[in-house]
Amino acid sequence: MKVIVALAVLIPMVSGCSKLTPENYAKLKVGMPYSEVTTILGGPTSCSDMIGLKSCRWGNDKRHVEVRFAGDAVLLYSAQNVQ
């Protein structure tokens, strides 16, 4: 019985713990600091910097959230296949 309970707790943690949800995407706001975005979405998959502008992606090519920052604040954001 303990094994079944442990699996019932662990399986959702491993397979369904993605923070790329419509609910989390709806929490993003222009002007929000980078630290708050990472609190909501977790660490980004990748980021690139160019002269004070930072572009980060959470997810992969088929399903992702992209956020662009000016300094430390969200400038704009978009999502693809976040359901």
PDB file of N, CA and C in Angstrom:
ATOM      1  N   MET A   1       0.816  -1.200   0.000  1.00  0.00           N
ATOM      2  CA  MET A   1       0.000   0.000   0.000  1.00  0.00           C
ATOM      3  C   MET A   1       0.858   1.260   0.000  1.00  0.00           C
ATOM      4  N   LYS A   2       1.987   1.244   0.734  1.00  0.00           N
ATOM      5  CA  LYS A   2       2.874   2.399   0.788  1.00  0.00           C
ATOM      6  C   LYS A   2       3.455   2.715  -0.592  1.00  0.00           C
ATOM      7  N   VAL A   3       3.724   1.679  -1.383  1.00  0.00           N
ATOM      8  CA  VAL A   3       4.263   1.870  -2.728  1.00  0.00           C
ATOM      9  C   VAL A   3       3.249   2.589  -3.605  1.00  0.00           C
ATOM     10  N   ILE A   4       1.998   2.218  -3.514  1.00  0.00           N
ATOM     11  CA  ILE A   4       0.947   2.852  -4.320  1.00  0.00           C
ATOM     12  C   ILE A   4       0.800   4.322  -3.939  1.00  0.00           C
ATOM     13  N   VAL A   5       0.841   4.607  -2.659  1.00  0.00           N
ATOM     14  CA  VAL A   5       0.735   6.005  -2.205  1.00  0.00           C
ATOM     15  C   VAL A   5       1.936   6.800  -2.692  1.00  0.00           C
ATOM     16  N   ALA A   6       3.129   6.232  -2.591  1.00  0.00           N
ATOM     17  CA  ALA A   6       4.334   6.923  -3.051  1.00  0.00           C
ATOM     18  C   ALA A   6       4.267   7.206  -4.548  1.00  0.00           C
ATOM     19  N   LEU A   7       3.814   6.235  -5.326  1.00  0.00           N
ATOM     20  CA  LEU A   7       3.677   6.433  -6.769  1.00  0.00           C
ATOM     21  C   LEU A   7       2.625   7.482  -7.088  1.00  0.00           C
ATOM     22  N   ALA A   8       1.544   7.494  -6.339  1.00  0.00           N
ATOM     23  CA  ALA A   8       0.485   8.479  -6.563  1.00  0.00           C
ATOM     24  C   ALA A   8       0.983   9.893  -6.326  1.00  0.00           C
ATOM     25  N   VAL A   9       1.961  10.047  -5.456  1.00  0.00           N
ATOM     26  CA  VAL A   9       2.542  11.359  -5.179  1.00  0.00           C
ATOM     27  C   VAL A   9       3.638  11.692  -6.176  1.00  0.00           C
ATOM     28  N   LEU A  10       4.495  10.737  -6.512  1.00  0.00           N
ATOM     29  CA  LEU A  10       5.657  10.994  -7.359  1.00  0.00           C
ATOM     30  C   LEU A  10       5.331  11.150  -8.837  1.00  0.00           C
ATOM     31  N   ILE A  11       4.413  10.376  -9.364  1.00  0.00           N
ATOM     32  CA  ILE A  11       4.120  10.428 -10.803  1.00  0.00           C
ATOM     33  C   ILE A  11       3.676  11.819 -11.248  1.00  0.00           C
ATOM     34  N   PRO A  12       2.737  12.467 -10.564  1.00  0.00           N
ATOM     35  CA  PRO A  12       2.388  13.832 -10.995  1.00  0.00           C
ATOM     36  C   PRO A  12       3.552  14.807 -10.877  1.00  0.00           C
ATOM     37  N   MET A  13       4.417  14.596  -9.893  1.00  0.00           N
ATOM     38  CA  MET A  13       5.556  15.493  -9.724  1.00  0.00           C
ATOM     39  C   MET A  13       6.523  15.374 -10.900  1.00  0.00           C
ATOM     40  N   VAL A  14       6.705  14.166 -11.401  1.00  0.00           N
ATOM     41  CA  VAL A  14       7.651  13.943 -12.482  1.00  0.00           C
ATOM     42  C   VAL A  14       7.046  14.272 -13.840  1.00  0.00           C
ATOM     43  N   SER A  15       5.826  13.853 -14.084  1.00  0.00           N
ATOM     44  CA  SER A  15       5.259  13.977 -15.425  1.00  0.00           C
ATOM     45  C   SER A  15       4.440  15.239 -15.645  1.00  0.00           C
ATOM     46  N   GLY A  16       3.778  15.745 -14.634  1.00  0.00           N
ATOM     47  CA  GLY A  16       2.858  16.839 -14.864  1.00  0.00           C
ATOM     48  C   GLY A  16       3.218  18.120 -14.139  1.00  0.00           C
ATOM     49  N   CYS A  17       4.475  18.334 -13.862  1.00  0.00           N
ATOM     50  CA  CYS A  17       4.837  19.486 -13.052  1.00  0.00           C
ATOM     51  C   CYS A  17       5.232  20.692 -13.901  1.00  0.00           C
ATOM     52  N   SER A  18       4.944  20.667 -15.167  1.00  0.00           N
ATOM     53  CA  SER A  18       5.287  21.791 -16.013  1.00  0.00           C
ATOM     54  C   SER A  18       4.590  23.049 -15.535  1.00  0.00           C
ATOM     55  N   LYS A  19       5.338  24.119 -15.501  1.00  0.00           N
ATOM     56  CA  LYS A  19       4.777  25.404 -15.109  1.00  0.00           C
ATOM     57  C   LYS A  19       4.256  26.175 -16.313  1.00  0.00           C
ATOM     58  N   LEU A  20       4.334  25.568 -17.500  1.00  0.00           N
ATOM     59  CA  LEU A  20       3.821  26.213 -18.717  1.00  0.00           C
ATOM     60  C   LEU A  20       2.331  25.928 -18.835  1.00  0.00           C
ATOM     61  N   THR A  21       1.556  26.664 -18.062  1.00  0.00           N
ATOM     62  CA  THR A  21       0.110  26.496 -18.047  1.00  0.00           C
ATOM     63  C   THR A  21      -0.557  27.811 -18.437  1.00  0.00           C
ATOM     64  N   PRO A  22      -1.780  27.751 -18.929  1.00  0.00           N
ATOM     65  CA  PRO A  22      -2.499  28.998 -19.231  1.00  0.00           C
ATOM     66  C   PRO A  22      -2.645  29.882 -17.983  1.00  0.00           C
ATOM     67  N   GLU A  23      -2.815  29.261 -16.822  1.00  0.00           N
ATOM     68  CA  GLU A  23      -2.960  30.021 -15.581  1.00  0.00           C
ATOM     69  C   GLU A  23      -1.681  30.800 -15.257  1.00  0.00           C
ATOM     70  N   ASN A  24      -0.533  30.157 -15.399  1.00  0.00           N
ATOM     71  CA  ASN A  24       0.732  30.851 -15.127  1.00  0.00           C
ATOM     72  C   ASN A  24       1.023  31.906 -16.184  1.00  0.00           C
ATOM     73  N   TYR A  25       0.695  31.612 -17.436  1.00  0.00           N
ATOM     74  CA  TYR A  25       0.893  32.607 -18.497  1.00  0.00           C
ATOM     75  C   TYR A  25       0.057  33.855 -18.211  1.00  0.00           C
ATOM     76  N   ALA A  26      -1.153  33.667 -17.711  1.00  0.00           N
ATOM     77  CA  ALA A  26      -2.040  34.794 -17.400  1.00  0.00           C
ATOM     78  C   ALA A  26      -1.503  35.660 -16.264  1.00  0.00           C
ATOM     79  N   LYS A  27      -0.601  35.133 -15.459  1.00  0.00           N
ATOM     80  CA  LYS A  27      -0.012  35.899 -14.352  1.00  0.00           C
ATOM     81  C   LYS A  27       1.065  36.879 -14.827  1.00  0.00           C
ATOM     82  N   LEU A  28       1.609  36.660 -16.030  1.00  0.00           N
ATOM     83  CA  LEU A  28       2.670  37.538 -16.529  1.00  0.00           C
ATOM     84  C   LEU A  28       2.108  38.918 -16.849  1.00  0.00           C
ATOM     85  N   LYS A  29       2.875  39.940 -16.537  1.00  0.00           N
ATOM     86  CA  LYS A  29       2.459  41.321 -16.780  1.00  0.00           C
ATOM     87  C   LYS A  29       3.647  42.143 -17.269  1.00  0.00           C
ATOM     88  N   VAL A  30       3.388  43.094 -18.141  1.00  0.00           N
ATOM     89  CA  VAL A  30       4.419  44.033 -18.588  1.00  0.00           C
ATOM     90  C   VAL A  30       4.914  44.790 -17.361  1.00  0.00           C
ATOM     91  N   GLY A  31       6.230  44.938 -17.253  1.00  0.00           N
ATOM     92  CA  GLY A  31       6.839  45.637 -16.131  1.00  0.00           C
ATOM     93  C   GLY A  31       7.258  44.728 -14.989  1.00  0.00           C
ATOM     94  N   MET A  32       6.811  43.478 -15.009  1.00  0.00           N
ATOM     95  CA  MET A  32       7.144  42.518 -13.955  1.00  0.00           C
ATOM     96  C   MET A  32       8.651  42.239 -13.967  1.00  0.00           C
ATOM     97  N   PRO A  33       9.300  42.151 -12.805  1.00  0.00           N
ATOM     98  CA  PRO A  33      10.733  41.859 -12.778  1.00  0.00           C
ATOM     99  C   PRO A  33      11.045  40.401 -13.149  1.00  0.00           C
ATOM    100  N   TYR A  34      12.246  40.183 -13.650  1.00  0.00           N
ATOM    101  CA  TYR A  34      12.720  38.854 -14.043  1.00  0.00           C
ATOM    102  C   TYR A  34      12.537  37.854 -12.905  1.00  0.00           C
ATOM    103  N   SER A  35      12.859  38.251 -11.687  1.00  0.00           N
ATOM    104  CA  SER A  35      12.760  37.333 -10.545  1.00  0.00           C
ATOM    105  C   SER A  35      11.330  36.849 -10.327  1.00  0.00           C
ATOM    106  N   GLU A  36      10.360  37.690 -10.570  1.00  0.00           N
ATOM    107  CA  GLU A  36       8.963  37.285 -10.405  1.00  0.00           C
ATOM    108  C   GLU A  36       8.535  36.324 -11.518  1.00  0.00           C
ATOM    109  N   VAL A  37       9.026  36.558 -12.733  1.00  0.00           N
ATOM    110  CA  VAL A  37       8.724  35.655 -13.847  1.00  0.00           C
ATOM    111  C   VAL A  37       9.289  34.268 -13.556  1.00  0.00           C
ATOM    112  N   THR A  38      10.525  34.206 -13.048  1.00  0.00           N
ATOM    113  CA  THR A  38      11.116  32.901 -12.747  1.00  0.00           C
ATOM    114  C   THR A  38      10.437  32.233 -11.558  1.00  0.00           C
ATOM    115  N   THR A  39       9.848  33.004 -10.660  1.00  0.00           N
ATOM    116  CA  THR A  39       9.062  32.416  -9.578  1.00  0.00           C
ATOM    117  C   THR A  39       7.822  31.735 -10.148  1.00  0.00           C
ATOM    118  N   ILE A  40       7.229  32.333 -11.156  1.00  0.00           N
ATOM    119  CA  ILE A  40       6.013  31.790 -11.774  1.00  0.00           C
ATOM    120  C   ILE A  40       6.329  30.628 -12.706  1.00  0.00           C
ATOM    121  N   LEU A  41       7.312  30.792 -13.601  1.00  0.00           N
ATOM    122  CA  LEU A  41       7.584  29.801 -14.644  1.00  0.00           C
ATOM    123  C   LEU A  41       8.774  28.887 -14.360  1.00  0.00           C
ATOM    124  N   GLY A  42       9.548  29.185 -13.331  1.00  0.00           N
ATOM    125  CA  GLY A  42      10.770  28.430 -13.078  1.00  0.00           C
ATOM    126  C   GLY A  42      11.906  29.018 -13.906  1.00  0.00           C
ATOM    127  N   GLY A  43      13.036  28.348 -13.891  1.00  0.00           N
ATOM    128  CA  GLY A  43      14.195  28.813 -14.657  1.00  0.00           C
ATOM    129  C   GLY A  43      13.961  28.654 -16.147  1.00  0.00           C
ATOM    130  N   PRO A  44      14.429  29.613 -16.949  1.00  0.00           N
ATOM    131  CA  PRO A  44      14.226  29.533 -18.393  1.00  0.00           C
ATOM    132  C   PRO A  44      15.057  28.419 -19.026  1.00  0.00           C
ATOM    133  N   THR A  45      14.573  27.922 -20.150  1.00  0.00           N
ATOM    134  CA  THR A  45      15.306  26.925 -20.927  1.00  0.00           C
ATOM    135  C   THR A  45      16.520  27.569 -21.590  1.00  0.00           C
ATOM    136  N   SER A  46      16.336  28.805 -22.068  1.00  0.00           N
ATOM    137  CA  SER A  46      17.437  29.527 -22.700  1.00  0.00           C
ATOM    138  C   SER A  46      17.183  31.029 -22.626  1.00  0.00           C
ATOM    139  N   CYS A  47      18.273  31.786 -22.688  1.00  0.00           N
ATOM    140  CA  CYS A  47      18.198  33.252 -22.711  1.00  0.00           C
ATOM    141  C   CYS A  47      19.302  33.780 -23.607  1.00  0.00           C
ATOM    142  N   SER A  48      19.059  34.944 -24.184  1.00  0.00           N
ATOM    143  CA  SER A  48      20.103  35.653 -24.921  1.00  0.00           C
ATOM    144  C   SER A  48      20.023  37.124 -24.545  1.00  0.00           C
ATOM    145  N   ASP A  49      21.176  37.756 -24.483  1.00  0.00           N
ATOM    146  CA  ASP A  49      21.273  39.173 -24.126  1.00  0.00           C
ATOM    147  C   ASP A  49      21.831  39.963 -25.285  1.00  0.00           C
ATOM    148  N   MET A  50      21.297  41.174 -25.472  1.00  0.00           N
ATOM    149  CA  MET A  50      21.855  42.065 -26.474  1.00  0.00           C
ATOM    150  C   MET A  50      21.593  43.508 -26.057  1.00  0.00           C
ATOM    151  N   ILE A  51      22.627  44.191 -25.655  1.00  0.00           N
ATOM    152  CA  ILE A  51      22.589  45.616 -25.344  1.00  0.00           C
ATOM    153  C   ILE A  51      21.389  46.000 -24.465  1.00  0.00           C
ATOM    154  N   GLY A  52      21.307  45.439 -23.274  1.00  0.00           N
ATOM    155  CA  GLY A  52      20.246  45.793 -22.337  1.00  0.00           C
ATOM    156  C   GLY A  52      18.920  45.102 -22.551  1.00  0.00           C
ATOM    157  N   LEU A  53      18.797  44.343 -23.636  1.00  0.00           N
ATOM    158  CA  LEU A  53      17.573  43.580 -23.884  1.00  0.00           C
ATOM    159  C   LEU A  53      17.880  42.103 -23.680  1.00  0.00           C
ATOM    160  N   LYS A  54      16.989  41.415 -22.999  1.00  0.00           N
ATOM    161  CA  LYS A  54      17.170  39.996 -22.719  1.00  0.00           C
ATOM    162  C   LYS A  54      15.936  39.267 -23.216  1.00  0.00           C
ATOM    163  N   SER A  55      16.141  38.177 -23.931  1.00  0.00           N
ATOM    164  CA  SER A  55      15.041  37.358 -24.433  1.00  0.00           C
ATOM    165  C   SER A  55      15.195  35.950 -23.864  1.00  0.00           C
ATOM    166  N   CYS A  56      14.159  35.475 -23.173  1.00  0.00           N
ATOM    167  CA  CYS A  56      14.215  34.145 -22.557  1.00  0.00           C
ATOM    168  C   CYS A  56      13.051  33.293 -23.031  1.00  0.00           C
ATOM    169  N   ARG A  57      13.318  31.993 -23.085  1.00  0.00           N
ATOM    170  CA  ARG A  57      12.304  31.027 -23.505  1.00  0.00           C
ATOM    171  C   ARG A  57      12.185  29.935 -22.466  1.00  0.00           C
ATOM    172  N   TRP A  58      10.951  29.587 -22.176  1.00  0.00           N
ATOM    173  CA  TRP A  58      10.618  28.453 -21.326  1.00  0.00           C
ATOM    174  C   TRP A  58       9.927  27.445 -22.222  1.00  0.00           C
ATOM    175  N   GLY A  59      10.452  26.233 -22.322  1.00  0.00           N
ATOM    176  CA  GLY A  59       9.846  25.199 -23.150  1.00  0.00           C
ATOM    177  C   GLY A  59      10.710  24.856 -24.338  1.00  0.00           C
ATOM    178  N   ASN A  60      10.060  24.397 -25.416  1.00  0.00           N
ATOM    179  CA  ASN A  60      10.780  23.964 -26.614  1.00  0.00           C
ATOM    180  C   ASN A  60      10.182  24.649 -27.846  1.00  0.00           C
ATOM    181  N   ASP A  61      10.593  24.210 -29.044  1.00  0.00           N
ATOM    182  CA  ASP A  61      10.119  24.845 -30.278  1.00  0.00           C
ATOM    183  C   ASP A  61       8.613  24.685 -30.502  1.00  0.00           C
ATOM    184  N   LYS A  62       8.028  23.617 -30.003  1.00  0.00           N
ATOM    185  CA  LYS A  62       6.600  23.360 -30.242  1.00  0.00           C
ATOM    186  C   LYS A  62       5.697  23.957 -29.167  1.00  0.00           C
ATOM    187  N   ARG A  63       6.197  24.071 -27.959  1.00  0.00           N
ATOM    188  CA  ARG A  63       5.383  24.552 -26.831  1.00  0.00           C
ATOM    189  C   ARG A  63       6.270  25.415 -25.944  1.00  0.00           C
ATOM    190  N   HIS A  64       5.981  26.705 -25.909  1.00  0.00           N
ATOM    191  CA  HIS A  64       6.856  27.584 -25.141  1.00  0.00           C
ATOM    192  C   HIS A  64       6.206  28.920 -24.771  1.00  0.00           C
ATOM    193  N   VAL A  65       6.881  29.579 -23.855  1.00  0.00           N
ATOM    194  CA  VAL A  65       6.589  30.971 -23.506  1.00  0.00           C
ATOM    195  C   VAL A  65       7.878  31.731 -23.747  1.00  0.00           C
ATOM    196  N   GLU A  66       7.780  32.857 -24.437  1.00  0.00           N
ATOM    197  CA  GLU A  66       8.934  33.730 -24.652  1.00  0.00           C
ATOM    198  C   GLU A  66       8.663  35.056 -23.971  1.00  0.00           C
ATOM    199  N   VAL A  67       9.668  35.545 -23.250  1.00  0.00           N
ATOM    200  CA  VAL A  67       9.551  36.819 -22.557  1.00  0.00           C
ATOM    201  C   VAL A  67      10.757  37.670 -22.910  1.00  0.00           C
ATOM    202  N   ARG A  68      10.501  38.923 -23.267  1.00  0.00           N
ATOM    203  CA  ARG A  68      11.573  39.868 -23.561  1.00  0.00           C
ATOM    204  C   ARG A  68      11.607  40.902 -22.438  1.00  0.00           C
ATOM    205  N   PHE A  69      12.812  41.143 -21.954  1.00  0.00           N
ATOM    206  CA  PHE A  69      13.023  42.064 -20.850  1.00  0.00           C
ATOM    207  C   PHE A  69      13.842  43.257 -21.314  1.00  0.00           C
ATOM    208  N   ALA A  70      13.495  44.439 -20.833  1.00  0.00           N
ATOM    209  CA  ALA A  70      14.312  45.639 -20.991  1.00  0.00           C
ATOM    210  C   ALA A  70      14.860  45.920 -19.604  1.00  0.00           C
ATOM    211  N   GLY A  71      16.167  45.774 -19.444  1.00  0.00           N
ATOM    212  CA  GLY A  71      16.729  45.823 -18.101  1.00  0.00           C
ATOM    213  C   GLY A  71      16.249  44.597 -17.354  1.00  0.00           C
ATOM    214  N   ASP A  72      15.538  44.812 -16.265  1.00  0.00           N
ATOM    215  CA  ASP A  72      15.030  43.708 -15.458  1.00  0.00           C
ATOM    216  C   ASP A  72      13.514  43.561 -15.555  1.00  0.00           C
ATOM    217  N   ALA A  73      12.870  44.329 -16.440  1.00  0.00           N
ATOM    218  CA  ALA A  73      11.407  44.357 -16.498  1.00  0.00           C
ATOM    219  C   ALA A  73      10.880  43.753 -17.797  1.00  0.00           C
ATOM    220  N   VAL A  74       9.741  43.058 -17.701  1.00  0.00           N
ATOM    221  CA  VAL A  74       9.108  42.464 -18.875  1.00  0.00           C
ATOM    222  C   VAL A  74       8.685  43.591 -19.830  1.00  0.00           C
ATOM    223  N   LEU A  75       9.116  43.450 -21.066  1.00  0.00           N
ATOM    224  CA  LEU A  75       8.749  44.392 -22.116  1.00  0.00           C
ATOM    225  C   LEU A  75       7.568  43.841 -22.923  1.00  0.00           C
ATOM    226  N   LEU A  76       7.660  42.564 -23.291  1.00  0.00           N
ATOM    227  CA  LEU A  76       6.571  41.870 -23.988  1.00  0.00           C
ATOM    228  C   LEU A  76       6.739  40.385 -23.809  1.00  0.00           C
ATOM    229  N   TYR A  77       5.665  39.644 -24.043  1.00  0.00           N
ATOM    230  CA  TYR A  77       5.703  38.191 -23.868  1.00  0.00           C
ATOM    231  C   TYR A  77       4.694  37.547 -24.816  1.00  0.00           C
ATOM    232  N   SER A  78       4.963  36.279 -25.138  1.00  0.00           N
ATOM    233  CA  SER A  78       4.078  35.527 -26.027  1.00  0.00           C
ATOM    234  C   SER A  78       4.166  34.039 -25.689  1.00  0.00           C
ATOM    235  N   ALA A  79       3.186  33.291 -26.183  1.00  0.00           N
ATOM    236  CA  ALA A  79       3.160  31.848 -25.929  1.00  0.00           C
ATOM    237  C   ALA A  79       2.724  31.112 -27.181  1.00  0.00           C
ATOM    238  N   GLN A  80       3.156  29.868 -27.273  1.00  0.00           N
ATOM    239  CA  GLN A  80       2.725  28.994 -28.363  1.00  0.00           C
ATOM    240  C   GLN A  80       2.366  27.640 -27.765  1.00  0.00           C
ATOM    241  N   ASN A  81       1.156  27.181 -28.041  1.00  0.00           N
ATOM    242  CA  ASN A  81       0.658  25.867 -27.608  1.00  0.00           C
ATOM    243  C   ASN A  81       0.718  25.645 -26.107  1.00  0.00           C
ATOM    244  N   VAL A  82       0.469  26.683 -25.329  1.00  0.00           N
ATOM    245  CA  VAL A  82       0.425  26.545 -23.878  1.00  0.00           C
ATOM    246  C   VAL A  82      -1.036  26.297 -23.502  1.00  0.00           C
ATOM    247  N   GLN A  83      -1.340  25.035 -23.194  1.00  0.00           N
ATOM    248  CA  GLN A  83      -2.729  24.645 -22.915  1.00  0.00           C
ATOM    249  C   GLN A  83      -2.796  23.824 -21.661  1.00  0.00           C
TER     250      GLN A  83
END
